[in-house]
Amino acid sequence: MLWAQLTPRDRMVLELVAEHQVLTTEQLRALMFPSISRAQHRLLDLTDAGVLWRTQPYRAEGGSKPFHYLLGYRGAELRAARQGVQPPRPITHADRLRRILESPTLAHLLGVNQFFADLADYCRRSGLGSPFSGAGRLEGEGLHSWRSEKSITEFYERKVTPDGYGCWYQGGQWLGFFLEHDMGTEPLGRVADKLDRYTTSGDRAFDRFDTARQLGGMVLIWVASRRREQGVRKVLQAKHSPVPVATAARDCGDPDGPAGEVWSVVTAEPARSRRVRLGELPNMIGGTTETGAPIVLSELPASSAAPSFGSDRFRDGLTDEMGQANRQELVLDEVHTTEPDTVDDTPYPAPGRTTQPWWKPLG
């Protein structure tokens, strides 16, 4: 049976690729493997088994891009069996892969995935441990959850549509964040207008802060360049949004990437807008709750005259489900406990051993 032949890490790779649609060799190396050679060999084994499917697109300027890994049909069958549902028809699954690879937003999707892969790589290099390797972190710090656009959009019932969601823990503070990955192709005004999704419900009759109070994090805008970042910050300041937002540029040059001292909160107060590390952002926005939600959002005034909308699951702000997911359900802490550089690919333990799932859907 194929499932019994998969290692815990194989199963994690399967879930990551299924959740985030497409990941490159280097991204999976950063997320899961101690070296590029280990990644290449194991990913090839999973591809040969049909768990993954891969392709290597050509570059328009010549040469080839890295291998792109997507969910193989056997992988889709395994997930369907675990979930107790019917697997997709082969032709349906093949069409899904084709649409992902031919989508005009493929470069954007890979950019979003690279952001979180860089955070995972920083965790490994700095000694915090990989968030997806099963190894224990130093004091539990680093990236604790990463959810895709589809997953987090469905959780918030399409009220907010970020490019991804993560929860970071450092220095005793949690930081939930919604990522907006800027490709540098949209007008600046359109980038700033994305903040409106995080405040209003789309109906003028509703309380304009109702959605904001539901949020489990601040907004991070990962901008293409420092020059563009300057323009983005100007239009963002004109919005006067109650939702905390910070910007950073991909050409910042910090060796720690998005985990480094690259983030600047959008505010009129110079002292609070200085560049800080990702883990220091809670201090710059007035603190966060133990679930990662900005305290300022829970303190927004409520309009007693405004009708409530949607279900009651958001009535008290951040839901218990989101808090639990940030803190526990999306953390690998009981699959196995070897260090990242000593993880082998031995088969999963025999049936009968109980282990905690590393990944669990929200809600």
Protein backbone atom coordinates (compact mmCIF):
# COMPACT_ATOMS: atom_id res chain seq x y z
CA MET A 1 0.00 0.00 0.00
CA LEU A 2 1.50 3.29 -1.14
CA TRP A 3 0.36 5.35 1.85
CA ALA A 4 2.21 3.04 4.27
CA GLN A 5 5.38 3.43 2.20
CA LEU A 6 5.43 7.21 2.59
CA THR A 7 7.56 8.79 5.30
CA PRO A 8 6.17 11.56 7.52
CA ARG A 9 8.09 14.07 5.42
CA ASP A 10 6.64 12.61 2.21
CA ARG A 11 3.16 13.17 3.61
CA MET A 12 4.03 16.75 4.51
CA VAL A 13 5.29 17.36 0.99
CA LEU A 14 2.04 15.92 -0.35
CA GLU A 15 -0.07 18.27 1.77
CA LEU A 16 2.05 21.34 1.02
CA VAL A 17 1.83 20.80 -2.74
CA ALA A 18 -1.91 20.10 -2.51
CA GLU A 19 -2.52 23.25 -0.43
CA HIS A 20 -0.31 25.63 -2.40
CA GLN A 21 -0.79 24.19 -5.90
CA VAL A 22 2.76 24.45 -7.25
CA LEU A 23 6.18 24.58 -5.60
CA THR A 24 9.66 24.56 -7.13
CA THR A 25 12.53 22.29 -6.14
CA GLU A 26 14.25 25.08 -4.21
CA GLN A 27 11.05 26.08 -2.42
CA LEU A 28 10.46 22.51 -1.28
CA ARG A 29 14.11 22.28 -0.24
CA ALA A 30 13.68 25.38 1.94
CA LEU A 31 10.47 24.02 3.44
CA MET A 32 11.36 20.38 3.94
CA PHE A 33 14.92 19.25 3.21
CA PRO A 34 18.42 19.81 4.65
CA SER A 35 20.07 19.98 1.21
CA ILE A 36 19.21 20.42 -2.45
CA SER A 37 20.55 16.96 -3.34
CA ARG A 38 18.28 15.29 -0.76
CA ALA A 39 15.36 17.27 -2.11
CA GLN A 40 16.06 16.35 -5.74
CA HIS A 41 16.39 12.63 -5.04
CA ARG A 42 13.32 12.32 -2.82
CA LEU A 43 11.11 14.48 -5.02
CA LEU A 44 12.07 12.32 -8.00
CA ASP A 45 11.04 9.21 -6.03
CA LEU A 46 7.68 10.78 -5.22
CA THR A 47 7.24 11.75 -8.86
CA ASP A 48 8.02 8.23 -10.05
CA ALA A 49 5.41 6.93 -7.59
CA GLY A 50 2.80 9.32 -8.99
CA VAL A 51 2.42 11.17 -5.69
CA LEU A 52 3.77 14.31 -7.36
CA TRP A 53 3.82 15.46 -10.97
CA ARG A 54 6.54 17.72 -12.27
CA THR A 55 7.42 19.79 -15.30
CA GLN A 56 10.30 22.08 -16.24
CA PRO A 57 9.02 25.09 -18.23
CA TYR A 58 11.28 26.76 -20.75
CA ARG A 59 12.46 30.32 -20.35
CA ALA A 60 11.52 32.73 -23.14
CA GLU A 61 15.08 34.05 -23.08
CA GLY A 62 16.52 30.55 -23.33
CA GLY A 63 17.23 27.70 -20.95
CA SER A 64 14.86 26.05 -18.51
CA LYS A 65 13.20 27.09 -15.28
CA PRO A 66 13.43 24.97 -12.11
CA PHE A 67 11.24 21.90 -11.87
CA HIS A 68 7.70 22.79 -10.85
CA TYR A 69 5.97 20.21 -8.66
CA LEU A 70 2.21 19.75 -8.60
CA LEU A 71 -0.07 17.11 -7.10
CA GLY A 72 0.17 13.81 -8.99
CA TYR A 73 -2.88 11.68 -9.63
CA ARG A 74 -1.83 9.01 -7.13
CA GLY A 75 -1.36 11.81 -4.62
CA ALA A 76 -4.88 13.04 -5.34
CA GLU A 77 -6.20 9.50 -4.83
CA LEU A 78 -4.37 9.17 -1.51
CA ARG A 79 -5.78 12.46 -0.21
CA ALA A 80 -9.28 11.55 -1.34
CA ALA A 81 -9.04 8.20 0.44
CA ARG A 82 -7.85 9.86 3.65
CA GLN A 83 -10.72 12.36 3.48
CA GLY A 84 -13.32 9.73 2.63
CA VAL A 85 -14.33 11.31 -0.68
CA GLN A 86 -14.29 10.22 -4.30
CA PRO A 87 -11.04 11.03 -6.15
CA PRO A 88 -11.28 13.27 -9.21
CA ARG A 89 -11.47 11.69 -12.64
CA PRO A 90 -8.03 11.51 -14.30
CA ILE A 91 -9.07 13.90 -17.05
CA THR A 92 -10.40 16.37 -14.46
CA HIS A 93 -7.18 16.23 -12.50
CA ALA A 94 -5.08 16.66 -15.64
CA ASP A 95 -7.16 19.69 -16.62
CA ARG A 96 -6.59 21.23 -13.18
CA LEU A 97 -2.82 20.89 -13.58
CA ARG A 98 -2.98 22.44 -17.04
CA ARG A 99 -4.98 25.41 -15.78
CA ILE A 100 -2.48 26.03 -12.95
CA LEU A 101 0.50 25.99 -15.29
CA GLU A 102 -1.17 28.08 -18.00
CA SER A 103 -2.65 30.62 -15.62
CA PRO A 104 -1.49 34.23 -16.13
CA THR A 105 -1.13 34.43 -12.35
CA LEU A 106 1.39 31.56 -12.10
CA ALA A 107 4.34 33.92 -11.53
CA HIS A 108 2.37 35.67 -8.78
CA LEU A 109 1.51 32.34 -7.11
CA LEU A 110 5.16 31.26 -7.18
CA GLY A 111 6.14 34.63 -5.72
CA VAL A 112 3.75 34.20 -2.81
CA ASN A 113 5.04 30.69 -2.18
CA GLN A 114 8.61 31.99 -2.31
CA PHE A 115 7.85 34.49 0.45
CA PHE A 116 6.87 31.72 2.86
CA ALA A 117 9.66 29.43 1.66
CA ASP A 118 12.13 32.22 2.49
CA LEU A 119 10.68 32.48 6.00
CA ALA A 120 11.02 28.71 6.47
CA ASP A 121 14.58 28.81 5.15
CA TYR A 122 15.45 31.57 7.62
CA CYS A 123 14.05 29.45 10.47
CA ARG A 124 16.31 26.57 9.47
CA ARG A 125 19.45 28.70 8.97
CA SER A 126 19.02 30.62 12.21
CA GLY A 127 18.57 27.51 14.32
CA LEU A 128 14.85 27.90 14.94
CA GLY A 129 14.18 24.69 13.03
CA SER A 130 12.05 24.13 9.97
CA PRO A 131 8.32 24.69 10.57
CA PHE A 132 7.52 21.74 8.30
CA SER A 133 10.28 19.26 9.12
CA GLY A 134 8.90 17.85 12.36
CA ALA A 135 11.93 19.11 14.28
CA GLY A 136 11.39 21.07 17.46
CA ARG A 137 12.05 24.80 17.25
CA LEU A 138 14.30 26.72 19.57
CA GLU A 139 11.81 28.07 22.13
CA GLY A 140 9.05 27.44 19.61
CA GLU A 141 9.90 30.51 17.55
CA GLY A 142 9.47 31.09 13.85
CA LEU A 143 6.77 30.44 11.27
CA HIS A 144 3.85 28.56 12.82
CA SER A 145 1.28 28.49 10.04
CA TRP A 146 0.94 29.17 6.34
CA ARG A 147 -2.41 29.11 4.60
CA SER A 148 -3.13 29.57 0.91
CA GLU A 149 -5.32 32.23 -0.66
CA LYS A 150 -8.11 29.73 -1.29
CA SER A 151 -8.01 28.36 2.25
CA ILE A 152 -8.00 31.69 4.08
CA THR A 153 -10.55 33.25 1.71
CA GLU A 154 -12.98 30.42 2.37
CA PHE A 155 -12.39 30.67 6.11
CA TYR A 156 -13.34 34.36 6.09
CA GLU A 157 -16.32 33.60 3.86
CA ARG A 158 -14.82 35.66 1.01
CA LYS A 159 -14.91 38.87 3.05
CA VAL A 160 -11.13 39.20 2.66
CA THR A 161 -9.04 37.76 -0.18
CA PRO A 162 -5.33 37.98 0.69
CA ASP A 163 -2.61 36.17 -1.23
CA GLY A 164 -1.80 34.10 1.85
CA TYR A 165 -1.86 34.06 5.63
CA GLY A 166 0.85 33.27 8.16
CA CYS A 167 1.45 33.37 11.89
CA TRP A 168 4.90 34.19 13.29
CA TYR A 169 6.12 33.76 16.86
CA GLN A 170 9.18 35.53 18.22
CA GLY A 171 10.24 37.08 21.51
CA GLY A 172 7.12 35.90 23.28
CA GLN A 173 4.79 37.62 20.80
CA TRP A 174 2.51 36.23 18.11
CA LEU A 175 1.97 38.02 14.81
CA GLY A 176 -0.76 37.01 12.40
CA PHE A 177 -0.43 38.56 8.96
CA PHE A 178 -2.26 38.69 5.65
CA LEU A 179 0.17 38.85 2.72
CA GLU A 180 -0.38 41.04 -0.32
CA HIS A 181 2.30 40.18 -2.89
CA ASP A 182 2.82 43.12 -5.27
CA MET A 183 4.19 42.28 -8.73
CA GLY A 184 4.68 45.94 -9.67
CA THR A 185 2.15 45.79 -12.49
CA GLU A 186 -0.95 47.37 -10.92
CA PRO A 187 -1.60 51.10 -10.51
CA LEU A 188 -0.68 52.34 -7.04
CA GLY A 189 -4.26 53.30 -6.30
CA ARG A 190 -5.44 49.77 -6.94
CA VAL A 191 -2.84 48.43 -4.51
CA ALA A 192 -4.06 50.83 -1.82
CA ASP A 193 -7.71 49.95 -2.50
CA LYS A 194 -7.00 46.37 -1.41
CA LEU A 195 -7.09 47.66 2.17
CA ASP A 196 -10.80 48.36 1.78
CA ARG A 197 -11.42 44.59 1.75
CA TYR A 198 -10.15 44.39 5.31
CA THR A 199 -12.54 46.96 6.75
CA THR A 200 -15.96 46.99 5.09
CA SER A 201 -18.36 44.21 4.23
CA GLY A 202 -19.20 45.67 0.85
CA ASP A 203 -22.54 47.02 2.04
CA ARG A 204 -22.69 50.64 3.16
CA ALA A 205 -25.43 49.77 5.65
CA PHE A 206 -23.04 47.73 7.71
CA ASP A 207 -20.60 48.83 10.37
CA ARG A 208 -17.47 49.86 8.45
CA PHE A 209 -15.21 48.27 11.07
CA ASP A 210 -17.09 44.97 11.31
CA THR A 211 -14.69 43.04 9.07
CA ALA A 212 -11.63 44.66 10.65
CA ARG A 213 -12.59 43.37 14.09
CA GLN A 214 -12.71 39.84 12.68
CA LEU A 215 -9.12 39.85 11.42
CA GLY A 216 -6.50 37.58 12.93
CA GLY A 217 -3.57 39.72 11.83
CA MET A 218 -2.18 42.84 10.18
CA VAL A 219 -1.58 43.36 6.44
CA LEU A 220 1.92 42.99 4.97
CA ILE A 221 2.57 44.30 1.46
CA TRP A 222 5.65 42.72 -0.14
CA VAL A 223 6.55 45.24 -2.85
CA ALA A 224 8.62 44.65 -5.98
CA SER A 225 11.19 47.42 -5.38
CA ARG A 226 12.13 50.16 -2.92
CA ARG A 227 11.25 52.81 -5.47
CA ARG A 228 7.76 51.41 -5.90
CA GLU A 229 7.43 51.02 -2.16
CA GLN A 230 7.75 54.80 -1.73
CA GLY A 231 4.79 55.36 -4.03
CA VAL A 232 2.74 52.61 -2.42
CA ARG A 233 3.27 54.09 1.03
CA LYS A 234 2.05 57.52 -0.07
CA VAL A 235 -1.27 56.20 -1.36
CA LEU A 236 -1.65 53.91 1.66
CA GLN A 237 -1.23 56.81 4.08
CA ALA A 238 -4.02 58.64 2.28
CA LYS A 239 -6.38 55.73 3.02
CA HIS A 240 -6.22 56.21 6.83
CA SER A 241 -7.17 52.56 7.27
CA PRO A 242 -7.74 51.30 10.84
CA VAL A 243 -6.04 48.01 9.89
CA PRO A 244 -2.29 48.04 10.65
CA VAL A 245 -0.25 47.67 7.48
CA ALA A 246 3.49 47.44 6.86
CA THR A 247 5.50 47.41 3.64
CA ALA A 248 8.85 46.00 2.54
CA ALA A 249 10.66 45.67 -0.77
CA ARG A 250 12.05 42.48 -2.27
CA ASP A 251 15.25 44.26 -3.34
CA CYS A 252 16.00 45.29 0.24
CA GLY A 253 19.20 43.25 0.29
CA ASP A 254 18.73 41.91 3.82
CA PRO A 255 20.27 38.41 4.06
CA ASP A 256 17.33 37.30 6.21
CA GLY A 257 14.83 38.27 3.51
CA PRO A 258 11.27 38.89 4.74
CA ALA A 259 12.26 37.87 8.28
CA GLY A 260 14.86 40.63 8.44
CA GLU A 261 14.90 44.34 9.27
CA VAL A 262 12.91 45.36 6.20
CA TRP A 263 9.38 46.16 7.45
CA SER A 264 8.05 49.66 7.99
CA VAL A 265 4.58 50.33 9.41
CA VAL A 266 2.51 52.84 7.44
CA THR A 267 2.01 55.65 9.94
CA ALA A 268 2.49 59.39 10.31
CA GLU A 269 4.66 58.83 13.39
CA PRO A 270 8.35 58.62 12.34
CA ALA A 271 9.35 56.63 15.43
CA ARG A 272 6.90 53.86 14.56
CA SER A 273 7.77 53.77 10.88
CA ARG A 274 11.44 52.82 11.25
CA ARG A 275 12.55 49.55 9.70
CA VAL A 276 12.17 46.56 12.01
CA ARG A 277 12.34 42.79 11.79
CA LEU A 278 9.20 40.76 11.17
CA GLY A 279 9.10 39.63 14.80
CA GLU A 280 9.25 43.24 16.03
CA LEU A 281 6.14 44.40 14.21
CA PRO A 282 3.81 43.70 17.17
CA ASN A 283 5.67 46.40 19.14
CA MET A 284 5.20 48.90 16.32
CA ILE A 285 1.42 48.45 16.05
CA GLY A 286 0.56 48.62 19.74
CA GLY A 287 0.82 44.91 20.50
CA THR A 288 -1.03 41.75 19.53
CA THR A 289 -3.17 39.25 21.36
CA GLU A 290 -1.91 35.75 22.14
CA THR A 291 -3.52 34.61 18.88
CA GLY A 292 -1.64 37.14 16.74
CA ALA A 293 -4.47 39.63 16.18
CA PRO A 294 -3.59 43.34 16.51
CA ILE A 295 -4.98 44.74 19.76
CA VAL A 296 -6.05 47.94 17.99
CA LEU A 297 -8.55 45.97 15.94
CA SER A 298 -10.29 44.50 18.97
CA GLU A 299 -10.60 48.03 20.36
CA LEU A 300 -12.34 49.51 17.32
CA PRO A 301 -15.65 51.15 18.26
CA ALA A 302 -18.80 49.25 17.41
CA SER A 303 -21.86 50.79 15.83
CA SER A 304 -24.92 49.72 17.77
CA ALA A 305 -27.17 50.85 14.96
CA ALA A 306 -25.42 48.75 12.34
CA PRO A 307 -26.90 45.32 11.66
CA SER A 308 -24.67 42.27 11.98
CA PHE A 309 -23.88 40.28 8.87
CA GLY A 310 -22.85 36.74 8.04
CA SER A 311 -22.77 34.05 10.67
CA ASP A 312 -22.24 34.55 14.39
CA ARG A 313 -18.82 32.88 14.26
CA PHE A 314 -17.11 36.30 14.02
CA ARG A 315 -19.20 38.13 16.58
CA ASP A 316 -16.42 38.28 19.15
CA GLY A 317 -13.64 39.14 16.71
CA LEU A 318 -10.97 36.50 16.15
CA THR A 319 -12.56 33.08 16.27
CA ASP A 320 -11.50 30.23 18.51
CA GLU A 321 -10.85 28.15 15.40
CA MET A 322 -8.31 30.64 14.04
CA GLY A 323 -6.60 31.05 17.38
CA GLN A 324 -6.31 27.30 17.82
CA ALA A 325 -4.99 26.88 14.28
CA ASN A 326 -2.35 29.55 14.76
CA ARG A 327 -1.13 28.19 18.04
CA GLN A 328 -1.40 24.42 17.68
CA GLU A 329 -3.17 22.73 14.82
CA LEU A 330 -0.82 23.88 12.06
CA VAL A 331 2.40 23.17 13.96
CA LEU A 332 4.45 20.04 13.46
CA ASP A 333 5.39 18.99 16.92
CA GLU A 334 4.51 15.31 17.32
CA VAL A 335 5.16 13.66 13.96
CA HIS A 336 8.81 12.88 14.76
CA THR A 337 11.54 14.67 16.65
CA THR A 338 14.79 14.25 14.74
CA GLU A 339 16.78 17.31 13.76
CA PRO A 340 16.34 18.60 10.17
CA ASP A 341 19.81 17.50 9.01
CA THR A 342 19.31 13.95 10.28
CA VAL A 343 15.82 13.25 8.93
CA ASP A 344 15.86 10.08 6.85
CA ASP A 345 13.32 8.63 4.46
CA THR A 346 12.49 5.44 6.30
CA PRO A 347 8.88 4.30 5.98
CA TYR A 348 6.18 5.61 8.25
CA PRO A 349 5.71 3.67 11.53
CA ALA A 350 3.59 0.53 11.39
CA PRO A 351 -0.17 0.87 11.87
CA GLY A 352 -1.15 1.21 15.48
CA ARG A 353 1.18 4.03 16.44
CA THR A 354 -0.80 7.19 17.11
CA THR A 355 0.54 10.50 15.85
CA GLN A 356 -0.89 13.99 15.77
CA PRO A 357 -1.73 15.35 12.28
CA TRP A 358 0.55 18.19 11.25
CA TRP A 359 -2.09 19.92 9.15
CA LYS A 360 -5.74 20.47 9.82
CA PRO A 361 -8.21 22.64 7.88
CA LEU A 362 -9.52 25.74 9.60
CA GLY A 363 -13.08 25.92 10.81
